[in-house]
Structure formats: structure tokens, C-alpha cells
Amino acid sequence: MLLGDFLDLPWYRTVFTNLGDVISPETQPPLQLESRPVDVGELIGDQMSHLWWYSLLRNLADSIAPDKLRRWS
């Protein structure tokens, strides 16, 4: 329904329509799955290219000198 047509309806029509939707809502069939999962390989967080202490030292260095934050490559 267009907005202009909806605004032209008297207030009691919208109230009764809303009550009707609450009392007996439209029942529709369940949705069907149309997508399939895609294998993206190993997640970046799972790759252990450096030891744990490297990120600890980097976080400490960033907290000491925040204006010299280094971009991760």
C-alpha cells in the first residue's frame, strides 16, 4: 500500500487491521536455504606466523609511544 493511500485511511481501519494481524497472522511456508557455505581456508587469527610475545611487545611499545603506531602488514 502506498504511503498516501495509507494516510487517507481513517484511524480505526489501521487499528482493526493491526488487531487482525495480531489475532490471525498470515502463515507462510518456512524459508528455504538457498546459499551454500564456501571454504575460505584458514582464518588469519589461526595462522601463527609469529610468537605470542611479539604482539605483547608491540602492544607495550604502542602504549608507550601511541603517536608512532605501526601498521600491521
C-alpha atoms as a PDB file:
ATOM      1  CA  MET A   1       0.000   0.000   0.000  1.00  0.00           C
ATOM      2  CA  LEU A   2       1.329   3.405  -0.895  1.00  0.00           C
ATOM      3  CA  LEU A   3       2.001   5.910   1.879  1.00  0.00           C
ATOM      4  CA  GLY A   4      -0.538   8.406   0.516  1.00  0.00           C
ATOM      5  CA  ASP A   5      -3.250   5.733   0.437  1.00  0.00           C
ATOM      6  CA  PHE A   6      -2.304   4.641   3.945  1.00  0.00           C
ATOM      7  CA  LEU A   7      -2.594   8.199   5.263  1.00  0.00           C
ATOM      8  CA  ASP A   8      -6.039   8.599   3.674  1.00  0.00           C
ATOM      9  CA  LEU A   9      -7.431   5.675   5.706  1.00  0.00           C
ATOM     10  CA  PRO A  10      -9.393   6.536   8.846  1.00  0.00           C
ATOM     11  CA  TRP A  11      -7.586   5.755  12.104  1.00  0.00           C
ATOM     12  CA  TYR A  12      -9.914   2.914  13.090  1.00  0.00           C
ATOM     13  CA  ARG A  13      -9.136   0.976   9.892  1.00  0.00           C
ATOM     14  CA  THR A  14      -5.449   0.793  10.786  1.00  0.00           C
ATOM     15  CA  VAL A  15      -6.263  -0.211  14.380  1.00  0.00           C
ATOM     16  CA  PHE A  16      -8.543  -3.034  13.222  1.00  0.00           C
ATOM     17  CA  THR A  17      -6.003  -4.134  10.608  1.00  0.00           C
ATOM     18  CA  ASN A  18      -3.269  -4.311  13.254  1.00  0.00           C
ATOM     19  CA  LEU A  19      -5.539  -6.231  15.625  1.00  0.00           C
ATOM     20  CA  GLY A  20      -6.407  -8.646  12.829  1.00  0.00           C
ATOM     21  CA  ASP A  21      -2.693  -9.195  12.130  1.00  0.00           C
ATOM     22  CA  VAL A  22      -2.096  -9.994  15.807  1.00  0.00           C
ATOM     23  CA  ILE A  23      -5.102 -12.312  16.181  1.00  0.00           C
ATOM     24  CA  SER A  24      -4.631 -14.259  12.949  1.00  0.00           C
ATOM     25  CA  PRO A  25      -1.274 -13.539  11.279  1.00  0.00           C
ATOM     26  CA  GLU A  26      -0.503 -14.763   7.778  1.00  0.00           C
ATOM     27  CA  THR A  27       1.133 -18.159   7.870  1.00  0.00           C
ATOM     28  CA  GLN A  28       3.762 -18.649   5.215  1.00  0.00           C
ATOM     29  CA  PRO A  29       5.857 -21.687   4.388  1.00  0.00           C
ATOM     30  CA  PRO A  30       9.287 -21.865   6.034  1.00  0.00           C
ATOM     31  CA  LEU A  31      12.167 -20.259   4.199  1.00  0.00           C
ATOM     32  CA  GLN A  32      14.352 -22.477   2.064  1.00  0.00           C
ATOM     33  CA  LEU A  33      18.131 -22.323   2.347  1.00  0.00           C
ATOM     34  CA  GLU A  34      19.496 -21.029  -0.961  1.00  0.00           C
ATOM     35  CA  SER A  35      23.120 -20.328  -0.105  1.00  0.00           C
ATOM     36  CA  ARG A  36      25.960 -22.803   0.291  1.00  0.00           C
ATOM     37  CA  PRO A  37      28.975 -22.451   2.583  1.00  0.00           C
ATOM     38  CA  VAL A  38      32.253 -21.522   0.928  1.00  0.00           C
ATOM     39  CA  ASP A  39      35.582 -22.833   2.132  1.00  0.00           C
ATOM     40  CA  VAL A  40      37.773 -19.784   2.817  1.00  0.00           C
ATOM     41  CA  GLY A  41      40.748 -21.706   4.138  1.00  0.00           C
ATOM     42  CA  GLU A  42      42.481 -20.972   7.387  1.00  0.00           C
ATOM     43  CA  LEU A  43      41.493 -17.793   9.230  1.00  0.00           C
ATOM     44  CA  ILE A  44      44.117 -15.087   9.730  1.00  0.00           C
ATOM     45  CA  GLY A  45      43.781 -15.341  13.509  1.00  0.00           C
ATOM     46  CA  ASP A  46      44.547 -19.046  13.349  1.00  0.00           C
ATOM     47  CA  GLN A  47      47.811 -18.547  11.497  1.00  0.00           C
ATOM     48  CA  MET A  48      50.736 -18.481  13.888  1.00  0.00           C
ATOM     49  CA  SER A  49      53.323 -16.644  11.816  1.00  0.00           C
ATOM     50  CA  HIS A  50      54.958 -15.108  14.900  1.00  0.00           C
ATOM     51  CA  LEU A  51      55.300 -15.963  18.560  1.00  0.00           C
ATOM     52  CA  TRP A  52      52.913 -14.659  21.227  1.00  0.00           C
ATOM     53  CA  TRP A  53      55.498 -12.396  22.824  1.00  0.00           C
ATOM     54  CA  TYR A  54      55.884 -10.393  19.596  1.00  0.00           C
ATOM     55  CA  SER A  55      52.338  -8.997  19.916  1.00  0.00           C
ATOM     56  CA  LEU A  56      52.887  -8.397  23.661  1.00  0.00           C
ATOM     57  CA  LEU A  57      55.974  -6.303  22.945  1.00  0.00           C
ATOM     58  CA  ARG A  58      54.200  -4.472  20.115  1.00  0.00           C
ATOM     59  CA  ASN A  59      51.275  -3.586  22.431  1.00  0.00           C
ATOM     60  CA  LEU A  60      53.676  -2.312  25.091  1.00  0.00           C
ATOM     61  CA  ALA A  61      55.527  -0.208  22.522  1.00  0.00           C
ATOM     62  CA  ASP A  62      52.231   1.219  21.217  1.00  0.00           C
ATOM     63  CA  SER A  63      51.124   2.194  24.721  1.00  0.00           C
ATOM     64  CA  ILE A  64      54.448   3.965  25.357  1.00  0.00           C
ATOM     65  CA  ALA A  65      54.509   5.859  22.037  1.00  0.00           C
ATOM     66  CA  PRO A  66      50.933   5.909  20.624  1.00  0.00           C
ATOM     67  CA  ASP A  67      51.751   8.557  18.004  1.00  0.00           C
ATOM     68  CA  LYS A  68      54.143   6.135  16.331  1.00  0.00           C
ATOM     69  CA  LEU A  69      51.667   3.315  15.819  1.00  0.00           C
ATOM     70  CA  ARG A  70      52.901   0.853  13.273  1.00  0.00           C
ATOM     71  CA  ARG A  71      50.595  -0.606  10.642  1.00  0.00           C
ATOM     72  CA  TRP A  72      50.386  -4.393  10.612  1.00  0.00           C
ATOM     73  CA  SER A  73      51.281  -5.883   7.240  1.00  0.00           C
END
